[in-house]
C-alpha atoms as a PDB file:
ATOM      1  CA  MET A   1     102.162  86.254  97.064  1.00  0.00           C
ATOM      2  CA  LYS A   2     102.709  88.543  99.152  1.00  0.00           C
ATOM      3  CA  TYR A   3     101.197  87.557 103.022  1.00  0.00           C
ATOM      4  CA  GLU A   4     100.189  89.939 105.439  1.00  0.00           C
ATOM      5  CA  HIS A   5     102.923  91.339 108.419  1.00  0.00           C
ATOM      6  CA  SER A   6     102.660  93.222 111.327  1.00  0.00           C
ATOM      7  CA  GLY A   7     104.293  95.872 112.562  1.00  0.00           C
ATOM      8  CA  ASN A   8     106.971  93.892 114.541  1.00  0.00           C
ATOM      9  CA  THR A   9     107.760  92.302 112.211  1.00  0.00           C
ATOM     10  CA  HIS A  10     108.253  96.106 109.945  1.00  0.00           C
ATOM     11  CA  THR A  11     109.740  97.051 113.366  1.00  0.00           C
ATOM     12  CA  LEU A  12     112.296  94.262 113.263  1.00  0.00           C
ATOM     13  CA  HIS A  13     112.911  94.535 109.468  1.00  0.00           C
ATOM     14  CA  PHE A  14     113.630  98.453 110.294  1.00  0.00           C
ATOM     15  CA  SER A  15     116.354  97.273 113.205  1.00  0.00           C
ATOM     16  CA  HIS A  16     118.007  95.358 110.678  1.00  0.00           C
ATOM     17  CA  ASN A  17     118.805  97.824 108.392  1.00  0.00           C
ATOM     18  CA  VAL A  18     120.251 100.017 111.368  1.00  0.00           C
ATOM     19  CA  LEU A  19     122.176  97.126 112.096  1.00  0.00           C
ATOM     20  CA  ALA A  20     123.850  96.494 109.046  1.00  0.00           C
ATOM     21  CA  PHE A  21     124.059  99.932 107.708  1.00  0.00           C
ATOM     22  CA  LEU A  22     126.249 100.158 111.202  1.00  0.00           C
ATOM     23  CA  TYR A  23     128.420  97.869 110.439  1.00  0.00           C
ATOM     24  CA  ILE A  24     128.742  98.913 107.246  1.00  0.00           C
ATOM     25  CA  VAL A  25     129.903 102.076 108.899  1.00  0.00           C
ATOM     26  CA  LEU A  26     132.139 100.583 111.561  1.00  0.00           C
ATOM     27  CA  GLY A  27     133.637  98.041 108.520  1.00  0.00           C
ATOM     28  CA  ILE A  28     135.083 101.041 106.888  1.00  0.00           C
ATOM     29  CA  VAL A  29     136.024 102.800 109.762  1.00  0.00           C
ATOM     30  CA  LEU A  30     138.121  99.817 111.111  1.00  0.00           C
ATOM     31  CA  LEU A  31     139.099  99.298 107.758  1.00  0.00           C
ATOM     32  CA  VAL A  32     140.576 102.818 107.591  1.00  0.00           C
ATOM     33  CA  LYS A  33     142.063 103.676 110.917  1.00  0.00           C
ATOM     34  CA  PRO A  34     142.915 100.399 113.564  1.00  0.00           C
ATOM     35  CA  SER A  35     145.032 101.262 116.004  1.00  0.00           C
ATOM     36  CA  GLU A  36     143.375 104.593 116.459  1.00  0.00           C
ATOM     37  CA  LEU A  37     140.263 103.144 116.805  1.00  0.00           C
ATOM     38  CA  THR A  38     140.143  99.377 119.581  1.00  0.00           C
ATOM     39  CA  ARG A  39     138.849 101.737 122.867  1.00  0.00           C
ATOM     40  CA  LEU A  40     136.583 103.449 120.927  1.00  0.00           C
ATOM     41  CA  PHE A  41     135.714 100.252 118.875  1.00  0.00           C
ATOM     42  CA  CYS A  42     135.253  99.030 122.257  1.00  0.00           C
ATOM     43  CA  VAL A  43     132.195 101.607 123.495  1.00  0.00           C
ATOM     44  CA  PHE A  44     130.306 101.663 119.946  1.00  0.00           C
ATOM     45  CA  VAL A  45     130.931  97.575 120.157  1.00  0.00           C
ATOM     46  CA  GLY A  46     128.858  97.977 123.733  1.00  0.00           C
ATOM     47  CA  ILE A  47     126.457 100.570 122.945  1.00  0.00           C
ATOM     48  CA  ALA A  48     125.444  99.177 119.410  1.00  0.00           C
ATOM     49  CA  ALA A  49     125.412  95.335 121.505  1.00  0.00           C
ATOM     50  CA  LEU A  50     123.156  97.249 124.019  1.00  0.00           C
ATOM     51  CA  LEU A  51     120.814  99.002 121.780  1.00  0.00           C
ATOM     52  CA  TYR A  52     120.761  96.530 119.416  1.00  0.00           C
ATOM     53  CA  GLY A  53     120.414  93.957 122.425  1.00  0.00           C
ATOM     54  CA  GLY A  54     117.328  95.835 123.680  1.00  0.00           C
ATOM     55  CA  VAL A  55     115.428  95.816 120.120  1.00  0.00           C
ATOM     56  CA  ARG A  56     116.131  92.146 119.948  1.00  0.00           C
ATOM     57  CA  LEU A  57     113.971  91.587 123.467  1.00  0.00           C
ATOM     58  CA  PHE A  58     111.855  94.445 122.854  1.00  0.00           C
ATOM     59  CA  SER A  59     110.677  92.100 119.819  1.00  0.00           C
ATOM     60  CA  TYR A  60     110.894  88.763 122.012  1.00  0.00           C
ATOM     61  CA  LEU A  61     108.047  90.112 124.250  1.00  0.00           C
ATOM     62  CA  HIS A  62     105.989  92.004 122.202  1.00  0.00           C
ATOM     63  CA  ARG A  63     105.858  89.735 119.102  1.00  0.00           C
ATOM     64  CA  LYS A  64     102.825  87.579 118.232  1.00  0.00           C
ATOM     65  CA  GLU A  65     102.884  83.766 118.695  1.00  0.00           C
ATOM     66  CA  SER A  66     102.547  83.150 115.037  1.00  0.00           C
ATOM     67  CA  GLU A  67     106.105  85.491 114.486  1.00  0.00           C
ATOM     68  CA  SER A  68     108.146  81.931 114.789  1.00  0.00           C
ATOM     69  CA  SER A  69     111.043  82.826 112.530  1.00  0.00           C
ATOM     70  CA  PHE A  70     112.396  85.060 115.166  1.00  0.00           C
ATOM     71  CA  GLN A  71     112.655  81.870 118.149  1.00  0.00           C
ATOM     72  CA  THR A  72     116.739  83.677 118.397  1.00  0.00           C
ATOM     73  CA  ASP A  73     115.386  86.685 119.376  1.00  0.00           C
ATOM     74  CA  LEU A  74     115.689  86.295 123.118  1.00  0.00           C
ATOM     75  CA  ILE A  75     118.624  84.896 123.372  1.00  0.00           C
ATOM     76  CA  LEU A  76     120.901  86.496 121.427  1.00  0.00           C
ATOM     77  CA  GLY A  77     118.972  89.940 123.274  1.00  0.00           C
ATOM     78  CA  VAL A  78     120.436  88.779 126.777  1.00  0.00           C
ATOM     79  CA  ILE A  79     123.806  88.121 125.200  1.00  0.00           C
ATOM     80  CA  LEU A  80     123.981  91.328 123.244  1.00  0.00           C
ATOM     81  CA  LEU A  81     122.834  92.842 126.205  1.00  0.00           C
ATOM     82  CA  VAL A  82     125.732  91.211 128.829  1.00  0.00           C
ATOM     83  CA  ILE A  83     128.340  91.842 126.200  1.00  0.00           C
ATOM     84  CA  GLY A  84     126.934  95.492 125.446  1.00  0.00           C
ATOM     85  CA  ILE A  85     127.638  96.230 129.655  1.00  0.00           C
ATOM     86  CA  ILE A  86     131.770  93.494 129.946  1.00  0.00           C
ATOM     87  CA  CYS A  87     132.874  96.323 126.552  1.00  0.00           C
ATOM     88  CA  LEU A  88     131.115  99.710 128.138  1.00  0.00           C
ATOM     89  CA  VAL A  89     133.108  98.424 132.000  1.00  0.00           C
ATOM     90  CA  ARG A  90     135.576  96.361 130.854  1.00  0.00           C
ATOM     91  CA  PRO A  91     137.129  97.315 127.651  1.00  0.00           C
ATOM     92  CA  ARG A  92     140.592  95.314 127.487  1.00  0.00           C
ATOM     93  CA  ILE A  93     139.027  92.187 128.488  1.00  0.00           C
ATOM     94  CA  ILE A  94     136.922  92.384 124.901  1.00  0.00           C
ATOM     95  CA  LEU A  95     139.253  93.254 123.112  1.00  0.00           C
ATOM     96  CA  SER A  96     140.910  90.366 124.077  1.00  0.00           C
ATOM     97  CA  ILE A  97     138.002  87.985 123.261  1.00  0.00           C
ATOM     98  CA  LEU A  98     135.883  89.756 120.712  1.00  0.00           C
ATOM     99  CA  PRO A  99     137.004  87.315 118.163  1.00  0.00           C
ATOM    100  CA  PHE A 100     135.632  84.283 119.217  1.00  0.00           C
ATOM    101  CA  ILE A 101     132.239  86.766 120.576  1.00  0.00           C
ATOM    102  CA  LEU A 102     132.175  88.236 117.550  1.00  0.00           C
ATOM    103  CA  GLY A 103     132.856  85.112 115.939  1.00  0.00           C
ATOM    104  CA  ILE A 104     129.237  83.698 117.419  1.00  0.00           C
ATOM    105  CA  VAL A 105     127.373  87.361 116.666  1.00  0.00           C
ATOM    106  CA  ILE A 106     128.441  86.304 112.887  1.00  0.00           C
ATOM    107  CA  LEU A 107     127.494  83.145 112.694  1.00  0.00           C
ATOM    108  CA  LEU A 108     124.145  83.530 114.093  1.00  0.00           C
ATOM    109  CA  ASP A 109     123.833  85.994 111.934  1.00  0.00           C
ATOM    110  CA  ALA A 110     124.274  83.720 108.870  1.00  0.00           C
ATOM    111  CA  VAL A 111     122.051  81.279 110.027  1.00  0.00           C
ATOM    112  CA  ASN A 112     119.696  84.043 109.734  1.00  0.00           C
ATOM    113  CA  ILE A 113     120.097  84.886 106.234  1.00  0.00           C
ATOM    114  CA  LEU A 114     120.074  81.309 105.681  1.00  0.00           C
ATOM    115  CA  GLN A 115     116.901  80.662 106.552  1.00  0.00           C
ATOM    116  CA  ARG A 116     115.576  83.834 105.274  1.00  0.00           C
ATOM    117  CA  SER A 117     117.529  82.062 101.783  1.00  0.00           C
ATOM    118  CA  PHE A 118     115.189  78.968 102.076  1.00  0.00           C
ATOM    119  CA  ARG A 119     112.021  81.176 102.959  1.00  0.00           C
ATOM    120  CA  LEU A 120     112.695  82.879  99.552  1.00  0.00           C
ATOM    121  CA  ARG A 121     112.920  79.604  97.905  1.00  0.00           C
ATOM    122  CA  LYS A 122     109.898  78.265  99.746  1.00  0.00           C
ATOM    123  CA  LEU A 123     108.385  81.878  97.582  1.00  0.00           C
ATOM    124  CA  SER A 124     109.315  81.075  94.543  1.00  0.00           C
ATOM    125  CA  TYR A 125     112.256  83.777  94.619  1.00  0.00           C
ATOM    126  CA  ASP A 126     114.198  82.830  91.684  1.00  0.00           C
ATOM    127  CA  ARG A 127     117.711  84.929  92.940  1.00  0.00           C
ATOM    128  CA  TRP A 128     117.207  82.211  96.174  1.00  0.00           C
ATOM    129  CA  TRP A 129     120.356  80.925  96.046  1.00  0.00           C
ATOM    130  CA  VAL A 130     122.677  84.404  96.355  1.00  0.00           C
ATOM    131  CA  ALA A 131     120.986  84.036  99.544  1.00  0.00           C
ATOM    132  CA  LEU A 132     122.913  81.416 100.401  1.00  0.00           C
ATOM    133  CA  ILE A 133     126.190  81.874  98.623  1.00  0.00           C
ATOM    134  CA  LEU A 134     125.872  85.314 101.556  1.00  0.00           C
ATOM    135  CA  ALA A 135     124.719  83.441 104.253  1.00  0.00           C
ATOM    136  CA  LEU A 136     127.444  80.642 103.569  1.00  0.00           C
ATOM    137  CA  LEU A 137     130.261  82.815 103.131  1.00  0.00           C
ATOM    138  CA  LEU A 138     128.929  84.928 106.016  1.00  0.00           C
ATOM    139  CA  ALA A 139     129.087  81.781 107.898  1.00  0.00           C
ATOM    140  CA  LEU A 140     132.783  81.195 106.919  1.00  0.00           C
ATOM    141  CA  LEU A 141     133.897  84.649 107.845  1.00  0.00           C
ATOM    142  CA  GLY A 142     132.342  83.879 111.637  1.00  0.00           C
ATOM    143  CA  ILE A 143     133.458  80.335 111.812  1.00  0.00           C
ATOM    144  CA  THR A 144     137.307  81.859 111.164  1.00  0.00           C
ATOM    145  CA  LEU A 145     137.250  84.800 114.110  1.00  0.00           C
ATOM    146  CA  ILE A 146     135.706  81.847 116.445  1.00  0.00           C
ATOM    147  CA  ALA A 147     138.157  79.020 114.360  1.00  0.00           C
ATOM    148  CA  ASN A 148     141.988  81.402 114.356  1.00  0.00           C
ATOM    149  CA  PRO A 149     141.635  84.606 116.661  1.00  0.00           C
ATOM    150  CA  PHE A 150     144.178  86.897 114.860  1.00  0.00           C
ATOM    151  CA  GLU A 151     148.327  87.428 117.142  1.00  0.00           C
ATOM    152  CA  THR A 152     148.007  90.877 115.652  1.00  0.00           C
ATOM    153  CA  THR A 153     145.534  93.443 117.268  1.00  0.00           C
ATOM    154  CA  ILE A 154     145.757  96.178 114.084  1.00  0.00           C
ATOM    155  CA  LEU A 155     145.232  92.751 111.497  1.00  0.00           C
ATOM    156  CA  PHE A 156     142.385  91.565 113.342  1.00  0.00           C
ATOM    157  CA  VAL A 157     140.765  95.252 113.811  1.00  0.00           C
ATOM    158  CA  GLN A 158     141.137  95.152 109.836  1.00  0.00           C
ATOM    159  CA  PHE A 159     139.915  91.749 109.374  1.00  0.00           C
ATOM    160  CA  LEU A 160     136.611  92.489 111.928  1.00  0.00           C
ATOM    161  CA  GLY A 161     136.034  95.968 109.873  1.00  0.00           C
ATOM    162  CA  PHE A 162     136.001  93.244 106.202  1.00  0.00           C
ATOM    163  CA  THR A 163     133.803  91.298 108.322  1.00  0.00           C
ATOM    164  CA  LEU A 164     131.945  93.996 109.023  1.00  0.00           C
ATOM    165  CA  LEU A 165     131.530  95.154 105.724  1.00  0.00           C
ATOM    166  CA  ALA A 166     130.414  92.497 104.093  1.00  0.00           C
ATOM    167  CA  ASP A 167     127.565  91.501 106.685  1.00  0.00           C
ATOM    168  CA  GLY A 168     126.679  94.805 106.558  1.00  0.00           C
ATOM    169  CA  CYS A 169     125.708  94.590 102.880  1.00  0.00           C
ATOM    170  CA  PHE A 170     124.562  91.531 102.968  1.00  0.00           C
ATOM    171  CA  ASP A 171     122.172  91.783 105.197  1.00  0.00           C
ATOM    172  CA  LEU A 172     120.975  94.893 103.219  1.00  0.00           C
ATOM    173  CA  TRP A 173     120.501  92.612 100.564  1.00  0.00           C
ATOM    174  CA  GLY A 174     119.201  90.296 102.024  1.00  0.00           C
ATOM    175  CA  ASN A 175     116.215  92.362 104.164  1.00  0.00           C
ATOM    176  CA  TYR A 176     115.936  93.970 100.526  1.00  0.00           C
ATOM    177  CA  GLN A 177     114.867  90.540  98.950  1.00  0.00           C
ATOM    178  CA  TYR A 178     113.489  89.408 101.052  1.00  0.00           C
ATOM    179  CA  ARG A 179     110.724  92.557 102.150  1.00  0.00           C
ATOM    180  CA  LYS A 180     109.608  92.093  97.854  1.00  0.00           C
ATOM    181  CA  TYR A 181     108.475  89.329  98.483  1.00  0.00           C
ATOM    182  CA  LEU A 182     106.747  89.472 102.100  1.00  0.00           C
END
């Protein structure tokens, strides 16, 4: 059964795909050149957080009440805007707390994928469990970043690159599967 969705939902799916692609590109770059890119990484994260936070906030302000599946838009939008500003103004602070912040963002992303997997199950999609497994793996990566920040910046940046690469791939796959059944 196909469901109608608004242009707002389409915009949100597009922004999720763009962010997933950015995660993949950034993840690859961080895996290949970790030491040279920590400051540049902060600037990139700041800009990405401002853009994505703005999209989430815009989505929240322009969504219909019936679109209750995107309830985290306001909170995540404001948090990302603040993170973006701090990344651009005080990058050293961000580098010291980055594992914790990104762990939270990735954990929230995992929750969204988990919600999507349950929606896919309700829509009778046979492989809904793949999204569930991906969400749990992503949650594990996010929890690892929160609970065990790495001692060396290089190792952290490489782990972060791998995590962002995995998150981007999981998001693209999940968005593609979810859109097929809308």
